[in-house]
Amino acid sequence: MTEERTVWLEGKPYIVVLSDEREALLAAQAAGRAVVGVEGGNETDRQFLPVRYVVETPDAADPGYLERVLRRQLKLPWIITGTDRLIIREFTEADAAFVPREAGDGEADRVFYTPELLREYIRCQYGFYECGVWALIDKVDGTLIGKAGITPAKWRSRRAMPDVSLKPAVLELGYHIFEPYRRKGYATEACRGILNMLAEVSVDLFDGRITVLARTDAANTASIRVLESCGFVRDTSAGRLLSGARKIADRKSKDKESLPNMTEKIDFLRDIGYNDIMLKKRGGHYHEGNI
């Protein structure tokens, strides 16, 4: 089967081709169209569909899904979610011109300094994981006011992982508001927006169960207040989770005095479960203790 669907994006119509036929998909790609594979009737068909996106049935490709496929084809950013004041979307290369250099920036922050580095981040991070650090855009004037997002969490060891029979998704939440826009509630608003989005997608992607990890310096009381207001609680598992920066430092040296830039980190955890999902489905209002 081969089916063409029209997707409207920024006022323009585009054709997205769905097919379980290899040759039809290759022809559509050669013509510059966005494509979605549909699983065929046997294992061989499924293994050799020459596309990035595959669905089990055509009905699974809803308008939102097709828009994301089209945006990836056109190299346009995905719109992740929105809040009262913010649009949360993927970064673009052009955003590099508006990312300030701030004291305390680390190697991960410098990825956003230049279009070249940002281009590779977009290709590798968004292209492979389809999540990452996203841009926080003021709805009124389009200003880039910070960044926030989710990435797969890193575990100290396989032994430290929770019971795999529970099969939760474990994601790490990070956020950074640029200095001119701090103390205006943007961090809390962005985090709650992302958590609300996770509650929606968890039904289909994670069997309705997600654990979200967030790390902050023990001395960063403002960040601690943000996390606690979003329903996070301190992790009491005695260092079960380990950040990438600390993992590197631990490999280099066991002498803490030789690591003057290391600060004590606190892990916070937030579980998204059935009650959160039902509240979201009912259109409920979120407050402290809920996402």
Protein backbone atom coordinates (compact mmCIF):
# COMPACT_ATOMS: atom_id res chain seq x y z
CA MET A 1 0.00 0.00 0.00
CA THR A 2 1.06 3.56 -0.70
CA GLU A 3 -0.79 6.57 0.63
CA GLU A 4 -0.19 10.30 0.33
CA ARG A 5 -1.24 12.67 3.09
CA THR A 6 -1.24 16.45 3.12
CA VAL A 7 0.35 18.16 6.10
CA TRP A 8 0.01 21.91 6.56
CA LEU A 9 3.03 23.59 8.08
CA GLU A 10 3.41 27.34 8.55
CA GLY A 11 0.63 27.96 6.04
CA LYS A 12 2.00 25.71 3.31
CA PRO A 13 0.82 22.23 2.21
CA TYR A 14 3.31 19.35 2.01
CA ILE A 15 2.89 15.74 0.95
CA VAL A 16 4.05 12.94 3.25
CA VAL A 17 4.17 9.46 1.70
CA LEU A 18 3.28 6.35 3.74
CA SER A 19 4.06 2.98 2.22
CA ASP A 20 5.04 -0.61 2.97
CA GLU A 21 6.73 -0.84 -0.44
CA ARG A 22 10.48 -0.29 -0.61
CA GLU A 23 10.52 1.07 -4.16
CA ALA A 24 7.71 3.55 -3.46
CA LEU A 25 9.57 4.88 -0.42
CA LEU A 26 12.83 5.23 -2.37
CA ALA A 27 11.05 7.07 -5.17
CA ALA A 28 9.39 9.47 -2.73
CA GLN A 29 12.71 10.15 -1.02
CA ALA A 30 14.36 10.81 -4.39
CA ALA A 31 11.62 13.35 -5.10
CA GLY A 32 12.45 15.14 -1.82
CA ARG A 33 9.30 14.12 0.01
CA ALA A 34 9.01 13.15 3.66
CA VAL A 35 8.29 9.43 4.06
CA VAL A 36 7.00 7.03 6.69
CA GLY A 37 7.35 3.28 6.34
CA VAL A 38 4.47 0.96 7.24
CA GLU A 39 5.39 -2.46 8.58
CA GLY A 40 4.78 -5.18 6.04
CA GLY A 41 3.34 -8.64 6.53
CA ASN A 42 6.64 -10.43 7.09
CA GLU A 43 9.89 -9.89 8.94
CA THR A 44 11.92 -9.35 5.77
CA ASP A 45 9.77 -6.39 4.73
CA ARG A 46 10.21 -4.74 8.14
CA GLN A 47 13.99 -5.13 8.17
CA PHE A 48 14.65 -3.43 4.83
CA LEU A 49 12.40 -0.38 4.78
CA PRO A 50 14.88 2.40 3.85
CA VAL A 51 13.42 5.04 6.16
CA ARG A 52 13.97 6.59 9.58
CA TYR A 53 10.33 6.46 10.70
CA VAL A 54 8.16 3.32 10.64
CA VAL A 55 4.66 2.74 12.01
CA GLU A 56 2.76 -0.49 12.54
CA THR A 57 -0.36 0.74 10.72
CA PRO A 58 -1.25 3.87 8.73
CA ASP A 59 -3.67 4.90 11.50
CA ALA A 60 -0.72 5.22 13.89
CA ALA A 61 0.61 8.15 11.83
CA ASP A 62 -1.55 10.90 13.31
CA PRO A 63 -1.22 14.57 12.24
CA GLY A 64 1.18 15.41 15.07
CA TYR A 65 3.45 12.51 14.18
CA LEU A 66 3.46 13.44 10.48
CA GLU A 67 4.30 17.05 11.33
CA ARG A 68 7.36 15.91 13.29
CA VAL A 69 8.47 13.69 10.40
CA LEU A 70 8.03 16.62 8.00
CA ARG A 71 9.91 19.02 10.26
CA ARG A 72 12.83 16.60 10.43
CA GLN A 73 12.83 16.32 6.62
CA LEU A 74 12.79 20.12 6.22
CA LYS A 75 15.36 20.61 9.01
CA LEU A 76 12.91 22.65 11.04
CA PRO A 77 12.83 22.42 14.85
CA TRP A 78 10.27 20.26 16.61
CA ILE A 79 7.86 22.20 18.80
CA ILE A 80 8.02 20.24 22.05
CA THR A 81 5.36 21.97 24.12
CA GLY A 82 4.19 25.35 25.33
CA THR A 83 3.38 27.12 28.59
CA ASP A 84 1.66 30.39 29.42
CA ARG A 85 4.76 32.42 28.52
CA LEU A 86 7.08 30.03 26.68
CA ILE A 87 7.45 27.99 23.53
CA ILE A 88 9.73 25.03 24.16
CA ARG A 89 11.30 23.87 20.91
CA GLU A 90 14.45 22.30 19.53
CA PHE A 91 17.45 24.55 18.97
CA THR A 92 18.36 25.75 15.49
CA GLU A 93 21.77 26.74 14.18
CA ALA A 94 20.66 30.38 14.13
CA ASP A 95 20.07 30.30 17.89
CA ALA A 96 23.83 30.22 18.52
CA ALA A 97 23.97 33.99 17.90
CA PHE A 98 21.68 34.57 20.89
CA VAL A 99 23.27 32.23 23.44
CA PRO A 100 25.22 34.31 25.98
CA ARG A 101 28.61 33.24 27.34
CA GLU A 102 28.18 33.09 31.08
CA ALA A 103 30.54 32.50 33.99
CA GLY A 104 30.37 28.90 35.07
CA ASP A 105 29.56 27.51 31.64
CA GLY A 106 30.98 24.05 31.09
CA GLU A 107 31.94 22.04 28.04
CA ALA A 108 28.33 20.97 27.46
CA ASP A 109 27.23 24.63 27.40
CA ARG A 110 29.81 25.55 24.73
CA VAL A 111 28.04 23.27 22.26
CA PHE A 112 25.48 26.07 21.88
CA TYR A 113 28.04 28.82 21.21
CA THR A 114 28.61 28.34 17.47
CA PRO A 115 26.43 27.28 14.52
CA GLU A 116 28.93 24.55 13.64
CA LEU A 117 28.83 22.88 17.05
CA LEU A 118 25.09 23.35 17.32
CA ARG A 119 24.60 21.78 13.88
CA GLU A 120 26.34 18.61 15.04
CA TYR A 121 24.35 18.57 18.27
CA ILE A 122 21.10 18.83 16.31
CA ARG A 123 22.16 16.06 13.95
CA CYS A 124 23.44 13.64 16.59
CA GLN A 125 21.32 14.37 19.67
CA TYR A 126 17.92 15.21 18.18
CA GLY A 127 18.44 12.99 15.16
CA PHE A 128 19.28 9.89 17.20
CA TYR A 129 17.61 10.32 20.61
CA GLU A 130 14.83 12.70 19.52
CA CYS A 131 15.22 14.48 22.84
CA GLY A 132 17.86 16.67 24.42
CA VAL A 133 18.30 20.27 25.54
CA TRP A 134 15.63 22.54 24.08
CA ALA A 135 15.33 26.28 23.55
CA LEU A 136 13.03 28.33 25.77
CA ILE A 137 11.44 31.08 23.68
CA ASP A 138 9.42 34.01 25.00
CA LYS A 139 6.01 33.90 23.28
CA VAL A 140 5.69 37.68 23.16
CA ASP A 141 8.92 38.80 21.49
CA GLY A 142 10.67 35.55 20.46
CA THR A 143 13.60 36.06 22.82
CA LEU A 144 15.72 33.03 23.72
CA ILE A 145 15.65 33.18 27.53
CA GLY A 146 17.25 29.86 28.45
CA LYS A 147 17.32 26.14 27.82
CA ALA A 148 15.84 23.02 29.35
CA GLY A 149 15.30 19.43 28.32
CA ILE A 150 15.57 15.72 29.00
CA THR A 151 18.21 13.09 28.25
CA PRO A 152 18.57 9.41 29.19
CA ALA A 153 19.90 9.18 32.76
CA LYS A 154 23.28 7.60 33.47
CA TRP A 155 23.53 4.89 36.14
CA ARG A 156 26.60 4.35 38.30
CA SER A 157 26.56 0.64 37.44
CA ARG A 158 24.19 -2.11 36.36
CA ARG A 159 23.98 -3.21 39.99
CA ALA A 160 22.70 0.25 40.93
CA MET A 161 19.79 0.17 38.49
CA PRO A 162 16.30 -0.36 39.90
CA ASP A 163 14.43 -3.63 39.47
CA VAL A 164 14.43 -4.13 35.69
CA SER A 165 11.18 -6.07 35.94
CA LEU A 166 9.49 -2.73 36.66
CA LYS A 167 10.86 -1.35 33.38
CA PRO A 168 10.51 2.38 34.11
CA ALA A 169 11.93 4.97 31.73
CA VAL A 170 14.55 7.01 33.60
CA LEU A 171 15.19 10.45 32.15
CA GLU A 172 17.31 13.33 33.40
CA LEU A 173 15.84 16.84 33.47
CA GLY A 174 18.15 19.81 33.08
CA TYR A 175 17.49 23.54 32.84
CA HIS A 176 19.37 26.85 32.70
CA ILE A 177 17.86 30.32 32.56
CA PHE A 178 20.12 33.04 31.18
CA GLU A 179 21.06 35.66 33.76
CA PRO A 180 18.87 38.61 32.59
CA TYR A 181 15.73 36.46 32.88
CA ARG A 182 16.23 34.82 36.28
CA ARG A 183 13.96 35.23 39.30
CA LYS A 184 10.91 35.55 37.06
CA GLY A 185 9.58 32.00 37.48
CA TYR A 186 10.75 30.78 34.05
CA ALA A 187 12.64 27.74 35.40
CA THR A 188 9.61 26.41 37.27
CA GLU A 189 7.33 27.13 34.32
CA ALA A 190 9.62 25.36 31.84
CA CYS A 191 10.11 22.32 34.08
CA ARG A 192 6.40 21.93 34.69
CA GLY A 193 5.73 22.25 30.97
CA ILE A 194 8.19 19.46 30.20
CA LEU A 195 6.80 17.25 32.97
CA ASN A 196 3.26 17.80 31.68
CA MET A 197 4.42 16.75 28.23
CA LEU A 198 6.04 13.60 29.66
CA ALA A 199 2.77 12.69 31.37
CA GLU A 200 1.05 12.80 27.99
CA VAL A 201 3.58 10.71 26.06
CA SER A 202 4.17 8.22 28.88
CA VAL A 203 0.86 6.48 28.14
CA ASP A 204 1.98 5.30 24.72
CA LEU A 205 5.76 5.22 25.04
CA PHE A 206 6.52 4.07 28.58
CA ASP A 207 3.47 2.15 29.78
CA GLY A 208 2.51 5.16 31.86
CA ARG A 209 5.60 5.09 34.11
CA ILE A 210 8.56 7.47 34.03
CA THR A 211 11.13 8.36 36.65
CA VAL A 212 12.69 11.79 36.14
CA LEU A 213 16.05 12.60 37.68
CA ALA A 214 17.37 16.12 38.30
CA ARG A 215 20.71 17.13 39.80
CA THR A 216 21.74 20.40 41.36
CA ASP A 217 24.49 21.82 43.55
CA ALA A 218 23.78 21.46 47.25
CA ALA A 219 24.34 25.21 47.64
CA ASN A 220 21.94 26.18 44.86
CA THR A 221 18.89 26.88 46.99
CA ALA A 222 16.99 28.53 44.11
CA SER A 223 17.27 25.40 41.98
CA ILE A 224 16.29 23.20 44.92
CA ARG A 225 13.13 25.29 45.39
CA VAL A 226 12.29 24.91 41.69
CA LEU A 227 12.57 21.12 41.88
CA GLU A 228 10.63 20.81 45.12
CA SER A 229 7.85 23.01 43.74
CA CYS A 230 7.61 20.62 40.77
CA GLY A 231 7.10 17.62 43.05
CA PHE A 232 10.68 16.28 43.12
CA VAL A 233 12.02 14.64 46.27
CA ARG A 234 15.61 14.00 47.30
CA ASP A 235 17.06 10.65 46.26
CA THR A 236 18.09 8.67 49.35
CA SER A 237 19.76 5.80 47.48
CA ALA A 238 23.27 6.89 48.52
CA GLY A 239 24.62 7.90 45.14
CA ARG A 240 22.89 5.31 43.00
CA LEU A 241 22.93 7.78 40.10
CA LEU A 242 26.05 9.49 38.86
CA SER A 243 26.36 12.55 36.64
CA GLY A 244 28.67 12.47 33.64
CA ALA A 245 30.94 15.20 35.03
CA ARG A 246 31.44 13.43 38.34
CA LYS A 247 31.97 10.08 36.61
CA ILE A 248 34.91 11.57 34.66
CA ALA A 249 36.36 13.15 37.78
CA ASP A 250 36.08 9.88 39.73
CA ARG A 251 38.03 8.09 37.03
CA LYS A 252 40.80 10.68 37.12
CA SER A 253 41.38 10.87 40.85
CA LYS A 254 40.17 9.61 44.21
CA ASP A 255 41.62 12.64 46.01
CA LYS A 256 38.79 15.14 46.48
CA GLU A 257 41.22 17.95 47.35
CA SER A 258 42.67 17.69 43.84
CA LEU A 259 39.23 18.50 42.41
CA PRO A 260 38.70 22.13 43.52
CA ASN A 261 35.91 22.75 40.99
CA MET A 262 33.79 19.83 42.12
CA THR A 263 30.80 20.76 44.25
CA GLU A 264 28.49 18.52 46.18
CA LYS A 265 25.54 17.44 44.07
CA ILE A 266 22.07 16.46 45.22
CA ASP A 267 19.92 14.07 43.21
CA PHE A 268 16.16 14.62 43.06
CA LEU A 269 13.65 12.13 41.67
CA ARG A 270 10.13 12.60 40.36
CA ASP A 271 7.89 9.68 39.40
CA ILE A 272 5.20 10.17 36.77
CA GLY A 273 2.50 7.57 37.18
CA TYR A 274 -1.15 6.77 36.71
CA ASN A 275 -2.55 9.62 38.85
CA ASP A 276 -0.56 12.24 36.95
CA ILE A 277 -1.76 10.88 33.62
CA MET A 278 -5.41 10.77 34.66
CA LEU A 279 -5.22 14.32 36.00
CA LYS A 280 -3.75 15.47 32.70
CA LYS A 281 -6.42 13.63 30.71
CA ARG A 282 -9.19 15.28 32.76
CA GLY A 283 -7.72 18.69 32.10
CA GLY A 284 -6.97 19.17 35.79
CA HIS A 285 -4.92 22.00 37.22
CA TYR A 286 -1.48 21.10 38.46
CA HIS A 287 -0.17 22.29 41.77
CA GLU A 288 2.68 21.44 44.12
CA GLY A 289 2.92 17.68 44.38
CA ASN A 290 1.58 17.17 40.87
CA ILE A 291 3.28 17.83 37.59
